[in-house]
Structures are given as structure tokens and as C-alpha cells.
Amino acid sequence: MMIAKVKGDKLLKFPYFISDLSSENNNTKFDDRHDIFGWFNLTDLHLVNGEDLVNVEPESMPAVDFSKNKAILGSAPVYKNGRWVFEYSVEARSQEELDEIAAYIPESTTYK
């Protein structure tokens, strides 16, 4: 699970870890009574500043012809349709990659 600190549709910090929460609230001891979301929701960052922690998940992979293209998962989350997600991009394979794939595909055989 990847976590981001956001304010509305603005990304403030990614990734966000319990160590970030500790450094931003250095006078507070965090124990196992709450998870990172529970503790964050008790801080001034959330209560006063309106900041939130959110899960970032990958979008559904687009339809891709993998023999010619590749799907690349983005490294930074984006706010899309009310959610924070990693977007996929589709890129054409290089000639070197196409040659490498071709080396593993046996020559076609005609069945009778």
C-alpha cells in the first residue's frame, strides 16, 4: 500500500511514511493503538490544516498489444475522478525489444 499526504487535489508528499508523521509531530509518541491514518487524523495537520492521507492505487491497465507496445506504470500519483491513482502510459517497444521478442517466438507452423 502506497500512501500520499494531500490537501484536496494537491499532492503534498509522496510516499508518506510513519517516519514522516513522527518528524512532523516530534512531540508526539505514536504507538500501536492506531494505524498511520488514525494517528494522522488526530494531528493539527488534519484537524487545522485540512490535510489528509490517502491510499494510492494503480488504475486499471489499458488494453495493450504487448507484442508491439508496453504499459508503464507512473511513479507519481495523480488526482483523477476523485481518487489518487498511478496512471499507465503506453509506449511503443524499441526495435531492440521487438527483435528480442521475435527471438523467443517459434516460426509459425501450419496445421492440417
PDB file of N, CA and C in Angstrom:
ATOM      1  N   MET A   1       0.844  -1.168   0.000  1.00  0.00           N
ATOM      2  CA  MET A   1       0.000   0.000   0.000  1.00  0.00           C
ATOM      3  C   MET A   1       0.894   1.238   0.000  1.00  0.00           C
ATOM      4  N   MET A   2       0.628   2.139  -0.920  1.00  0.00           N
ATOM      5  CA  MET A   2       1.357   3.396  -1.003  1.00  0.00           C
ATOM      6  C   MET A   2       0.449   4.496  -0.461  1.00  0.00           C
ATOM      7  N   ILE A   3       1.032   5.380   0.345  1.00  0.00           N
ATOM      8  CA  ILE A   3       0.268   6.451   0.985  1.00  0.00           C
ATOM      9  C   ILE A   3       0.818   7.796   0.538  1.00  0.00           C
ATOM     10  N   ALA A   4      -0.098   8.735   0.316  1.00  0.00           N
ATOM     11  CA  ALA A   4       0.276  10.106  -0.031  1.00  0.00           C
ATOM     12  C   ALA A   4      -0.385  11.058   0.962  1.00  0.00           C
ATOM     13  N   LYS A   5       0.298  12.183   1.216  1.00  0.00           N
ATOM     14  CA  LYS A   5      -0.309  13.256   2.002  1.00  0.00           C
ATOM     15  C   LYS A   5      -0.805  14.282   0.995  1.00  0.00           C
ATOM     16  N   VAL A   6      -2.091  14.643   1.108  1.00  0.00           N
ATOM     17  CA  VAL A   6      -2.720  15.536   0.142  1.00  0.00           C
ATOM     18  C   VAL A   6      -3.539  16.603   0.866  1.00  0.00           C
ATOM     19  N   LYS A   7      -3.857  17.633   0.119  1.00  0.00           N
ATOM     20  CA  LYS A   7      -4.831  18.628   0.563  1.00  0.00           C
ATOM     21  C   LYS A   7      -5.724  18.898  -0.628  1.00  0.00           C
ATOM     22  N   GLY A   8      -6.934  18.335  -0.573  1.00  0.00           N
ATOM     23  CA  GLY A   8      -7.841  18.420  -1.717  1.00  0.00           C
ATOM     24  C   GLY A   8      -7.244  17.682  -2.894  1.00  0.00           C
ATOM     25  N   ASP A   9      -7.052  18.393  -4.000  1.00  0.00           N
ATOM     26  CA  ASP A   9      -6.473  17.762  -5.190  1.00  0.00           C
ATOM     27  C   ASP A   9      -4.991  18.107  -5.362  1.00  0.00           C
ATOM     28  N   LYS A  10      -4.348  18.552  -4.277  1.00  0.00           N
ATOM     29  CA  LYS A  10      -2.917  18.897  -4.313  1.00  0.00           C
ATOM     30  C   LYS A  10      -2.105  17.834  -3.576  1.00  0.00           C
ATOM     31  N   LEU A  11      -1.108  17.307  -4.262  1.00  0.00           N
ATOM     32  CA  LEU A  11      -0.200  16.331  -3.669  1.00  0.00           C
ATOM     33  C   LEU A  11       0.842  17.084  -2.844  1.00  0.00           C
ATOM     34  N   LEU A  12       0.945  16.754  -1.555  1.00  0.00           N
ATOM     35  CA  LEU A  12       1.896  17.423  -0.674  1.00  0.00           C
ATOM     36  C   LEU A  12       3.165  16.599  -0.462  1.00  0.00           C
ATOM     37  N   LYS A  13       3.008  15.277  -0.297  1.00  0.00           N
ATOM     38  CA  LYS A  13       4.179  14.411  -0.080  1.00  0.00           C
ATOM     39  C   LYS A  13       3.836  13.004  -0.506  1.00  0.00           C
ATOM     40  N   PHE A  14       4.756  12.424  -1.279  1.00  0.00           N
ATOM     41  CA  PHE A  14       4.603  11.033  -1.693  1.00  0.00           C
ATOM     42  C   PHE A  14       5.976  10.421  -1.868  1.00  0.00           C
ATOM     43  N   PRO A  15       6.211   9.252  -1.385  1.00  0.00           N
ATOM     44  CA  PRO A  15       5.347   8.497  -0.476  1.00  0.00           C
ATOM     45  C   PRO A  15       5.391   9.097   0.919  1.00  0.00           C
ATOM     46  N   TYR A  16       4.439   8.722   1.740  1.00  0.00           N
ATOM     47  CA  TYR A  16       4.343   9.224   3.108  1.00  0.00           C
ATOM     48  C   TYR A  16       4.421   8.021   4.045  1.00  0.00           C
ATOM     49  N   PHE A  17       5.309   8.128   5.035  1.00  0.00           N
ATOM     50  CA  PHE A  17       5.562   7.021   5.959  1.00  0.00           C
ATOM     51  C   PHE A  17       5.312   7.458   7.397  1.00  0.00           C
ATOM     52  N   ILE A  18       5.284   6.499   8.293  1.00  0.00           N
ATOM     53  CA  ILE A  18       5.123   6.810   9.729  1.00  0.00           C
ATOM     54  C   ILE A  18       6.280   7.685  10.209  1.00  0.00           C
ATOM     55  N   SER A  19       7.463   7.533   9.616  1.00  0.00           N
ATOM     56  CA  SER A  19       8.596   8.382   9.992  1.00  0.00           C
ATOM     57  C   SER A  19       8.332   9.845   9.626  1.00  0.00           C
ATOM     58  N   ASP A  20       7.600  10.089   8.546  1.00  0.00           N
ATOM     59  CA  ASP A  20       7.217  11.459   8.188  1.00  0.00           C
ATOM     60  C   ASP A  20       6.260  12.026   9.227  1.00  0.00           C
ATOM     61  N   LEU A  21       5.312  11.210   9.644  1.00  0.00           N
ATOM     62  CA  LEU A  21       4.360  11.632  10.671  1.00  0.00           C
ATOM     63  C   LEU A  21       5.094  11.970  11.965  1.00  0.00           C
ATOM     64  N   SER A  22       6.061  11.139  12.330  1.00  0.00           N
ATOM     65  CA  SER A  22       6.839  11.379  13.550  1.00  0.00           C
ATOM     66  C   SER A  22       7.656  12.660  13.453  1.00  0.00           C
ATOM     67  N   SER A  23       8.285  12.889  12.303  1.00  0.00           N
ATOM     68  CA  SER A  23       9.117  14.092  12.172  1.00  0.00           C
ATOM     69  C   SER A  23       8.273  15.361  12.126  1.00  0.00           C
ATOM     70  N   GLU A  24       7.055  15.270  11.618  1.00  0.00           N
ATOM     71  CA  GLU A  24       6.169  16.440  11.586  1.00  0.00           C
ATOM     72  C   GLU A  24       5.488  16.696  12.927  1.00  0.00           C
ATOM     73  N   ASN A  25       5.520  15.706  13.792  1.00  0.00           N
ATOM     74  CA  ASN A  25       4.887  15.811  15.115  1.00  0.00           C
ATOM     75  C   ASN A  25       5.865  15.291  16.155  1.00  0.00           C
ATOM     76  N   ASN A  26       7.025  15.944  16.253  1.00  0.00           N
ATOM     77  CA  ASN A  26       8.115  15.398  17.060  1.00  0.00           C
ATOM     78  C   ASN A  26       7.844  15.387  18.564  1.00  0.00           C
ATOM     79  N   ASN A  27       6.796  16.013  19.047  1.00  0.00           N
ATOM     80  CA  ASN A  27       6.459  15.973  20.469  1.00  0.00           C
ATOM     81  C   ASN A  27       5.417  14.907  20.789  1.00  0.00           C
ATOM     82  N   THR A  28       5.095  14.075  19.811  1.00  0.00           N
ATOM     83  CA  THR A  28       4.063  13.050  19.979  1.00  0.00           C
ATOM     84  C   THR A  28       4.681  11.669  19.834  1.00  0.00           C
ATOM     85  N   LYS A  29       4.284  10.754  20.726  1.00  0.00           N
ATOM     86  CA  LYS A  29       4.725   9.359  20.639  1.00  0.00           C
ATOM     87  C   LYS A  29       3.595   8.559  19.991  1.00  0.00           C
ATOM     88  N   PHE A  30       3.916   7.881  18.912  1.00  0.00           N
ATOM     89  CA  PHE A  30       2.927   7.082  18.197  1.00  0.00           C
ATOM     90  C   PHE A  30       3.126   5.619  18.545  1.00  0.00           C
ATOM     91  N   ASP A  31       2.068   4.991  19.032  1.00  0.00           N
ATOM     92  CA  ASP A  31       2.149   3.576  19.389  1.00  0.00           C
ATOM     93  C   ASP A  31       1.194   2.783  18.498  1.00  0.00           C
ATOM     94  N   ASP A  32       0.876   1.561  18.905  1.00  0.00           N
ATOM     95  CA  ASP A  32       0.063   0.692  18.046  1.00  0.00           C
ATOM     96  C   ASP A  32      -1.443   0.793  18.309  1.00  0.00           C
ATOM     97  N   ARG A  33      -1.886   1.816  19.050  1.00  0.00           N
ATOM     98  CA  ARG A  33      -3.332   1.983  19.266  1.00  0.00           C
ATOM     99  C   ARG A  33      -4.053   2.374  17.974  1.00  0.00           C
ATOM    100  N   HIS A  34      -3.338   3.026  17.074  1.00  0.00           N
ATOM    101  CA  HIS A  34      -3.922   3.446  15.801  1.00  0.00           C
ATOM    102  C   HIS A  34      -2.946   3.117  14.674  1.00  0.00           C
ATOM    103  N   ASP A  35      -3.471   3.023  13.464  1.00  0.00           N
ATOM    104  CA  ASP A  35      -2.587   2.927  12.305  1.00  0.00           C
ATOM    105  C   ASP A  35      -2.197   4.346  11.894  1.00  0.00           C
ATOM    106  N   ILE A  36      -1.430   4.485  10.832  1.00  0.00           N
ATOM    107  CA  ILE A  36      -0.943   5.799  10.410  1.00  0.00           C
ATOM    108  C   ILE A  36      -2.099   6.750  10.092  1.00  0.00           C
ATOM    109  N   PHE A  37      -3.187   6.225   9.533  1.00  0.00           N
ATOM    110  CA  PHE A  37      -4.336   7.065   9.207  1.00  0.00           C
ATOM    111  C   PHE A  37      -5.018   7.576  10.474  1.00  0.00           C
ATOM    112  N   GLY A  38      -5.187   6.688  11.442  1.00  0.00           N
ATOM    113  CA  GLY A  38      -5.819   7.070  12.710  1.00  0.00           C
ATOM    114  C   GLY A  38      -5.023   8.132  13.437  1.00  0.00           C
ATOM    115  N   TRP A  39      -3.695   7.956  13.512  1.00  0.00           N
ATOM    116  CA  TRP A  39      -2.856   8.954  14.180  1.00  0.00           C
ATOM    117  C   TRP A  39      -2.872  10.272  13.424  1.00  0.00           C
ATOM    118  N   PHE A  40      -2.741  10.218  12.103  1.00  0.00           N
ATOM    119  CA  PHE A  40      -2.718  11.444  11.311  1.00  0.00           C
ATOM    120  C   PHE A  40      -3.994  12.262  11.523  1.00  0.00           C
ATOM    121  N   ASN A  41      -5.129  11.575  11.592  1.00  0.00           N
ATOM    122  CA  ASN A  41      -6.409  12.267  11.755  1.00  0.00           C
ATOM    123  C   ASN A  41      -6.543  12.972  13.100  1.00  0.00           C
ATOM    124  N   LEU A  42      -5.636  12.702  14.040  1.00  0.00           N
ATOM    125  CA  LEU A  42      -5.636  13.377  15.344  1.00  0.00           C
ATOM    126  C   LEU A  42      -4.677  14.560  15.397  1.00  0.00           C
ATOM    127  N   THR A  43      -3.958  14.806  14.320  1.00  0.00           N
ATOM    128  CA  THR A  43      -2.954  15.876  14.313  1.00  0.00           C
ATOM    129  C   THR A  43      -3.539  17.193  13.805  1.00  0.00           C
ATOM    130  N   ASP A  44      -2.828  18.281  14.113  1.00  0.00           N
ATOM    131  CA  ASP A  44      -3.220  19.594  13.592  1.00  0.00           C
ATOM    132  C   ASP A  44      -3.119  19.636  12.075  1.00  0.00           C
ATOM    133  N   LEU A  45      -2.218  18.829  11.499  1.00  0.00           N
ATOM    134  CA  LEU A  45      -2.112  18.789  10.042  1.00  0.00           C
ATOM    135  C   LEU A  45      -3.475  18.474   9.423  1.00  0.00           C
ATOM    136  N   HIS A  46      -4.193  17.572  10.067  1.00  0.00           N
ATOM    137  CA  HIS A  46      -5.517  17.190   9.570  1.00  0.00           C
ATOM    138  C   HIS A  46      -6.600  18.110  10.130  1.00  0.00           C
ATOM    139  N   LEU A  47      -6.628  18.262  11.450  1.00  0.00           N
ATOM    140  CA  LEU A  47      -7.713  18.985  12.110  1.00  0.00           C
ATOM    141  C   LEU A  47      -7.717  20.477  11.790  1.00  0.00           C
ATOM    142  N   VAL A  48      -6.551  21.099  11.686  1.00  0.00           N
ATOM    143  CA  VAL A  48      -6.462  22.543  11.455  1.00  0.00           C
ATOM    144  C   VAL A  48      -6.171  22.858   9.992  1.00  0.00           C
ATOM    145  N   ASN A  49      -5.214  22.150   9.406  1.00  0.00           N
ATOM    146  CA  ASN A  49      -4.769  22.466   8.042  1.00  0.00           C
ATOM    147  C   ASN A  49      -5.608  21.801   6.947  1.00  0.00           C
ATOM    148  N   GLY A  50      -6.419  20.813   7.300  1.00  0.00           N
ATOM    149  CA  GLY A  50      -7.255  20.145   6.301  1.00  0.00           C
ATOM    150  C   GLY A  50      -6.513  19.166   5.418  1.00  0.00           C
ATOM    151  N   GLU A  51      -5.348  18.709   5.865  1.00  0.00           N
ATOM    152  CA  GLU A  51      -4.581  17.741   5.090  1.00  0.00           C
ATOM    153  C   GLU A  51      -5.105  16.330   5.369  1.00  0.00           C
ATOM    154  N   ASP A  52      -4.900  15.432   4.416  1.00  0.00           N
ATOM    155  CA  ASP A  52      -5.361  14.045   4.545  1.00  0.00           C
ATOM    156  C   ASP A  52      -4.290  13.085   4.065  1.00  0.00           C
ATOM    157  N   LEU A  53      -4.401  11.845   4.520  1.00  0.00           N
ATOM    158  CA  LEU A  53      -3.611  10.742   3.975  1.00  0.00           C
ATOM    159  C   LEU A  53      -4.552   9.902   3.128  1.00  0.00           C
ATOM    160  N   VAL A  54      -4.053   9.456   1.988  1.00  0.00           N
ATOM    161  CA  VAL A  54      -4.862   8.641   1.081  1.00  0.00           C
ATOM    162  C   VAL A  54      -4.044   7.470   0.563  1.00  0.00           C
ATOM    163  N   ASN A  55      -4.729   6.384   0.274  1.00  0.00           N
ATOM    164  CA  ASN A  55      -4.104   5.262  -0.422  1.00  0.00           C
ATOM    165  C   ASN A  55      -4.000   5.620  -1.895  1.00  0.00           C
ATOM    166  N   VAL A  56      -2.897   5.242  -2.500  1.00  0.00           N
ATOM    167  CA  VAL A  56      -2.711   5.446  -3.934  1.00  0.00           C
ATOM    168  C   VAL A  56      -2.668   4.060  -4.569  1.00  0.00           C
ATOM    169  N   GLU A  57      -3.538   3.860  -5.564  1.00  0.00           N
ATOM    170  CA  GLU A  57      -3.629   2.559  -6.212  1.00  0.00           C
ATOM    171  C   GLU A  57      -3.464   2.711  -7.720  1.00  0.00           C
ATOM    172  N   PRO A  58      -3.002   1.669  -8.377  1.00  0.00           N
ATOM    173  CA  PRO A  58      -2.881   1.753  -9.840  1.00  0.00           C
ATOM    174  C   PRO A  58      -4.256   1.747 -10.503  1.00  0.00           C
ATOM    175  N   GLU A  59      -4.364   2.485 -11.585  1.00  0.00           N
ATOM    176  CA  GLU A  59      -5.576   2.425 -12.402  1.00  0.00           C
ATOM    177  C   GLU A  59      -5.628   1.064 -13.078  1.00  0.00           C
ATOM    178  N   SER A  60      -6.760   0.747 -13.655  1.00  0.00           N
ATOM    179  CA  SER A  60      -6.851  -0.471 -14.458  1.00  0.00           C
ATOM    180  C   SER A  60      -5.925  -0.322 -15.659  1.00  0.00           C
ATOM    181  N   MET A  61      -5.260  -1.405 -15.988  1.00  0.00           N
ATOM    182  CA  MET A  61      -4.342  -1.369 -17.126  1.00  0.00           C
ATOM    183  C   MET A  61      -5.138  -1.257 -18.425  1.00  0.00           C
ATOM    184  N   PRO A  62      -4.699  -0.365 -19.302  1.00  0.00           N
ATOM    185  CA  PRO A  62      -5.399  -0.244 -20.587  1.00  0.00           C
ATOM    186  C   PRO A  62      -5.146  -1.471 -21.465  1.00  0.00           C
ATOM    187  N   ALA A  63      -5.988  -1.648 -22.469  1.00  0.00           N
ATOM    188  CA  ALA A  63      -5.768  -2.724 -23.434  1.00  0.00           C
ATOM    189  C   ALA A  63      -4.504  -2.399 -24.223  1.00  0.00           C
ATOM    190  N   VAL A  64      -3.592  -3.350 -24.263  1.00  0.00           N
ATOM    191  CA  VAL A  64      -2.289  -3.117 -24.896  1.00  0.00           C
ATOM    192  C   VAL A  64      -1.923  -4.338 -25.735  1.00  0.00           C
ATOM    193  N   ASP A  65      -1.437  -4.107 -26.937  1.00  0.00           N
ATOM    194  CA  ASP A  65      -0.862  -5.177 -27.745  1.00  0.00           C
ATOM    195  C   ASP A  65       0.601  -5.288 -27.303  1.00  0.00           C
ATOM    196  N   PHE A  66       0.868  -6.216 -26.388  1.00  0.00           N
ATOM    197  CA  PHE A  66       2.196  -6.320 -25.786  1.00  0.00           C
ATOM    198  C   PHE A  66       3.270  -6.783 -26.758  1.00  0.00           C
ATOM    199  N   SER A  67       2.868  -7.286 -27.910  1.00  0.00           N
ATOM    200  CA  SER A  67       3.882  -7.675 -28.888  1.00  0.00           C
ATOM    201  C   SER A  67       4.532  -6.448 -29.527  1.00  0.00           C
ATOM    202  N   LYS A  68       3.858  -5.297 -29.455  1.00  0.00           N
ATOM    203  CA  LYS A  68       4.381  -4.071 -30.078  1.00  0.00           C
ATOM    204  C   LYS A  68       4.555  -2.912 -29.099  1.00  0.00           C
ATOM    205  N   ASN A  69       3.872  -2.987 -27.975  1.00  0.00           N
ATOM    206  CA  ASN A  69       3.864  -1.887 -27.009  1.00  0.00           C
ATOM    207  C   ASN A  69       4.124  -2.401 -25.601  1.00  0.00           C
ATOM    208  N   LYS A  70       4.324  -1.459 -24.694  1.00  0.00           N
ATOM    209  CA  LYS A  70       4.459  -1.798 -23.278  1.00  0.00           C
ATOM    210  C   LYS A  70       3.674  -0.791 -22.452  1.00  0.00           C
ATOM    211  N   ALA A  71       3.129  -1.257 -21.335  1.00  0.00           N
ATOM    212  CA  ALA A  71       2.394  -0.394 -20.409  1.00  0.00           C
ATOM    213  C   ALA A  71       3.345  -0.018 -19.280  1.00  0.00           C
ATOM    214  N   ILE A  72       3.461   1.268 -19.015  1.00  0.00           N
ATOM    215  CA  ILE A  72       4.371   1.768 -17.987  1.00  0.00           C
ATOM    216  C   ILE A  72       3.536   2.413 -16.884  1.00  0.00           C
ATOM    217  N   LEU A  73       3.725   1.934 -15.673  1.00  0.00           N
ATOM    218  CA  LEU A  73       3.013   2.493 -14.523  1.00  0.00           C
ATOM    219  C   LEU A  73       3.747   3.733 -14.046  1.00  0.00           C
ATOM    220  N   GLY A  74       3.026   4.850 -13.919  1.00  0.00           N
ATOM    221  CA  GLY A  74       3.627   6.105 -13.487  1.00  0.00           C
ATOM    222  C   GLY A  74       4.192   6.016 -12.077  1.00  0.00           C
ATOM    223  N   SER A  75       5.172   6.840 -11.779  1.00  0.00           N
ATOM    224  CA  SER A  75       5.816   6.806 -10.466  1.00  0.00           C
ATOM    225  C   SER A  75       5.248   7.825  -9.495  1.00  0.00           C
ATOM    226  N   ALA A  76       4.501   8.811  -9.996  1.00  0.00           N
ATOM    227  CA  ALA A  76       3.898   9.827  -9.134  1.00  0.00           C
ATOM    228  C   ALA A  76       2.381   9.752  -9.264  1.00  0.00           C
ATOM    229  N   PRO A  77       1.680   9.814  -8.153  1.00  0.00           N
ATOM    230  CA  PRO A  77       0.226   9.734  -8.224  1.00  0.00           C
ATOM    231  C   PRO A  77      -0.395  10.999  -8.821  1.00  0.00           C
ATOM    232  N   VAL A  78      -1.578  10.817  -9.404  1.00  0.00           N
ATOM    233  CA  VAL A  78      -2.357  11.929  -9.937  1.00  0.00           C
ATOM    234  C   VAL A  78      -3.780  11.836  -9.384  1.00  0.00           C
ATOM    235  N   TYR A  79      -4.410  12.985  -9.265  1.00  0.00           N
ATOM    236  CA  TYR A  79      -5.791  13.045  -8.789  1.00  0.00           C
ATOM    237  C   TYR A  79      -6.714  12.932  -9.985  1.00  0.00           C
ATOM    238  N   LYS A  80      -7.525  11.883 -10.011  1.00  0.00           N
ATOM    239  CA  LYS A  80      -8.360  11.606 -11.177  1.00  0.00           C
ATOM    240  C   LYS A  80      -9.693  11.023 -10.720  1.00  0.00           C
ATOM    241  N   ASN A  81     -10.766  11.645 -11.144  1.00  0.00           N
ATOM    242  CA  ASN A  81     -12.121  11.168 -10.817  1.00  0.00           C
ATOM    243  C   ASN A  81     -12.312  10.971  -9.313  1.00  0.00           C
ATOM    244  N   GLY A  82     -11.776  11.919  -8.526  1.00  0.00           N
ATOM    245  CA  GLY A  82     -11.967  11.875  -7.074  1.00  0.00           C
ATOM    246  C   GLY A  82     -11.077  10.890  -6.340  1.00  0.00           C
ATOM    247  N   ARG A  83     -10.099  10.305  -7.023  1.00  0.00           N
ATOM    248  CA  ARG A  83      -9.202   9.324  -6.402  1.00  0.00           C
ATOM    249  C   ARG A  83      -7.758   9.670  -6.751  1.00  0.00           C
ATOM    250  N   TRP A  84      -6.848   9.209  -5.919  1.00  0.00           N
ATOM    251  CA  TRP A  84      -5.411   9.325  -6.193  1.00  0.00           C
ATOM    252  C   TRP A  84      -4.952   7.998  -6.758  1.00  0.00           C
ATOM    253  N   VAL A  85      -4.407   8.043  -7.969  1.00  0.00           N
ATOM    254  CA  VAL A  85      -4.038   6.819  -8.674  1.00  0.00           C
ATOM    255  C   VAL A  85      -2.686   6.977  -9.365  1.00  0.00           C
ATOM    256  N   PHE A  86      -2.110   5.833  -9.711  1.00  0.00           N
ATOM    257  CA  PHE A  86      -0.979   5.790 -10.631  1.00  0.00           C
ATOM    258  C   PHE A  86      -1.572   5.540 -12.012  1.00  0.00           C
ATOM    259  N   GLU A  87      -1.229   6.374 -12.968  1.00  0.00           N
ATOM    260  CA  GLU A  87      -1.717   6.188 -14.327  1.00  0.00           C
ATOM    261  C   GLU A  87      -0.742   5.322 -15.120  1.00  0.00           C
ATOM    262  N   TYR A  88      -1.291   4.619 -16.091  1.00  0.00           N
ATOM    263  CA  TYR A  88      -0.467   3.873 -17.044  1.00  0.00           C
ATOM    264  C   TYR A  88      -0.262   4.736 -18.289  1.00  0.00           C
ATOM    265  N   SER A  89       0.887   4.593 -18.895  1.00  0.00           N
ATOM    266  CA  SER A  89       1.106   5.149 -20.230  1.00  0.00           C
ATOM    267  C   SER A  89       1.484   3.970 -21.131  1.00  0.00           C
ATOM    268  N   VAL A  90       1.192   4.101 -22.395  1.00  0.00           N
ATOM    269  CA  VAL A  90       1.519   3.048 -23.359  1.00  0.00           C
ATOM    270  C   VAL A  90       2.597   3.592 -24.284  1.00  0.00           C
ATOM    271  N   GLU A  91       3.685   2.844 -24.390  1.00  0.00           N
ATOM    272  CA  GLU A  91       4.800   3.251 -25.245  1.00  0.00           C
ATOM    273  C   GLU A  91       5.118   2.143 -26.234  1.00  0.00           C
ATOM    274  N   ALA A  92       5.514   2.548 -27.417  1.00  0.00           N
ATOM    275  CA  ALA A  92       5.929   1.580 -28.433  1.00  0.00           C
ATOM    276  C   ALA A  92       7.248   0.942 -28.012  1.00  0.00           C
ATOM    277  N   ARG A  93       7.389  -0.337 -28.273  1.00  0.00           N
ATOM    278  CA  ARG A  93       8.652  -1.030 -27.984  1.00  0.00           C
ATOM    279  C   ARG A  93       9.722  -0.576 -28.972  1.00  0.00           C
ATOM    280  N   SER A  94      10.956  -0.551 -28.506  1.00  0.00           N
ATOM    281  CA  SER A  94      12.077  -0.211 -29.382  1.00  0.00           C
ATOM    282  C   SER A  94      12.329  -1.387 -30.338  1.00  0.00           C
ATOM    283  N   GLN A  95      13.069  -1.121 -31.401  1.00  0.00           N
ATOM    284  CA  GLN A  95      13.393  -2.188 -32.353  1.00  0.00           C
ATOM    285  C   GLN A  95      14.184  -3.285 -31.647  1.00  0.00           C
ATOM    286  N   GLU A  96      15.041  -2.916 -30.723  1.00  0.00           N
ATOM    287  CA  GLU A  96      15.822  -3.901 -29.964  1.00  0.00           C
ATOM    288  C   GLU A  96      14.893  -4.817 -29.160  1.00  0.00           C
ATOM    289  N   GLU A  97      13.886  -4.248 -28.528  1.00  0.00           N
ATOM    290  CA  GLU A  97      12.930  -5.055 -27.770  1.00  0.00           C
ATOM    291  C   GLU A  97      12.122  -5.960 -28.699  1.00  0.00           C
ATOM    292  N   LEU A  98      11.714  -5.427 -29.841  1.00  0.00           N
ATOM    293  CA  LEU A  98      10.957  -6.234 -30.802  1.00  0.00           C
ATOM    294  C   LEU A  98      11.795  -7.402 -31.308  1.00  0.00           C
ATOM    295  N   ASP A  99      13.080  -7.157 -31.572  1.00  0.00           N
ATOM    296  CA  ASP A  99      13.973  -8.225 -32.024  1.00  0.00           C
ATOM    297  C   ASP A  99      14.140  -9.288 -30.940  1.00  0.00           C
ATOM    298  N   GLU A 100      14.228  -8.847 -29.703  1.00  0.00           N
ATOM    299  CA  GLU A 100      14.374  -9.780 -28.575  1.00  0.00           C
ATOM    300  C   GLU A 100      13.133 -10.660 -28.446  1.00  0.00           C
ATOM    301  N   ILE A 101      11.964 -10.064 -28.591  1.00  0.00           N
ATOM    302  CA  ILE A 101      10.715 -10.833 -28.528  1.00  0.00           C
ATOM    303  C   ILE A 101      10.654 -11.824 -29.683  1.00  0.00           C
ATOM    304  N   ALA A 102      11.015 -11.375 -30.869  1.00  0.00           N
ATOM    305  CA  ALA A 102      10.966 -12.236 -32.052  1.00  0.00           C
ATOM    306  C   ALA A 102      11.869 -13.453 -31.897  1.00  0.00           C
ATOM    307  N   ALA A 103      12.962 -13.301 -31.170  1.00  0.00           N
ATOM    308  CA  ALA A 103      13.893 -14.416 -30.971  1.00  0.00           C
ATOM    309  C   ALA A 103      13.264 -15.540 -30.149  1.00  0.00           C
ATOM    310  N   TYR A 104      12.250 -15.232 -29.346  1.00  0.00           N
ATOM    311  CA  TYR A 104      11.608 -16.238 -28.495  1.00  0.00           C
ATOM    312  C   TYR A 104      10.360 -16.837 -29.112  1.00  0.00           C
ATOM    313  N   ILE A 105       9.883 -16.283 -30.217  1.00  0.00           N
ATOM    314  CA  ILE A 105       8.672 -16.788 -30.842  1.00  0.00           C
ATOM    315  C   ILE A 105       9.071 -17.772 -31.944  1.00  0.00           C
ATOM    316  N   PRO A 106       8.590 -19.020 -31.823  1.00  0.00           N
ATOM    317  CA  PRO A 106       8.940 -20.001 -32.864  1.00  0.00           C
ATOM    318  C   PRO A 106       8.286 -19.627 -34.186  1.00  0.00           C
ATOM    319  N   GLU A 107       8.910 -20.070 -35.266  1.00  0.00           N
ATOM    320  CA  GLU A 107       8.346 -19.800 -36.575  1.00  0.00           C
ATOM    321  C   GLU A 107       6.956 -20.427 -36.633  1.00  0.00           C
ATOM    322  N   SER A 108       6.066 -19.767 -37.343  1.00  0.00           N
ATOM    323  CA  SER A 108       4.669 -20.254 -37.386  1.00  0.00           C
ATOM    324  C   SER A 108       4.623 -21.601 -38.089  1.00  0.00           C
ATOM    325  N   THR A 109       3.722 -22.398 -37.621  1.00  0.00           N
ATOM    326  CA  THR A 109       3.529 -23.729 -38.188  1.00  0.00           C
ATOM    327  C   THR A 109       2.105 -23.824 -38.724  1.00  0.00           C
ATOM    328  N   THR A 110       1.970 -24.418 -39.884  1.00  0.00           N
ATOM    329  CA  THR A 110       0.634 -24.591 -40.472  1.00  0.00           C
ATOM    330  C   THR A 110       0.143 -25.963 -40.084  1.00  0.00           C
ATOM    331  N   TYR A 111      -1.030 -26.009 -39.474  1.00  0.00           N
ATOM    332  CA  TYR A 111      -1.638 -27.287 -39.063  1.00  0.00           C
ATOM    333  C   TYR A 111      -2.646 -27.714 -40.107  1.00  0.00           C
ATOM    334  N   LYS A 112      -2.641 -29.004 -40.426  1.00  0.00           N
ATOM    335  CA  LYS A 112      -3.607 -29.542 -41.403  1.00  0.00           C
ATOM    336  C   LYS A 112      -4.600 -30.424 -40.713  1.00  0.00           C
TER     337      LYS A 112
END
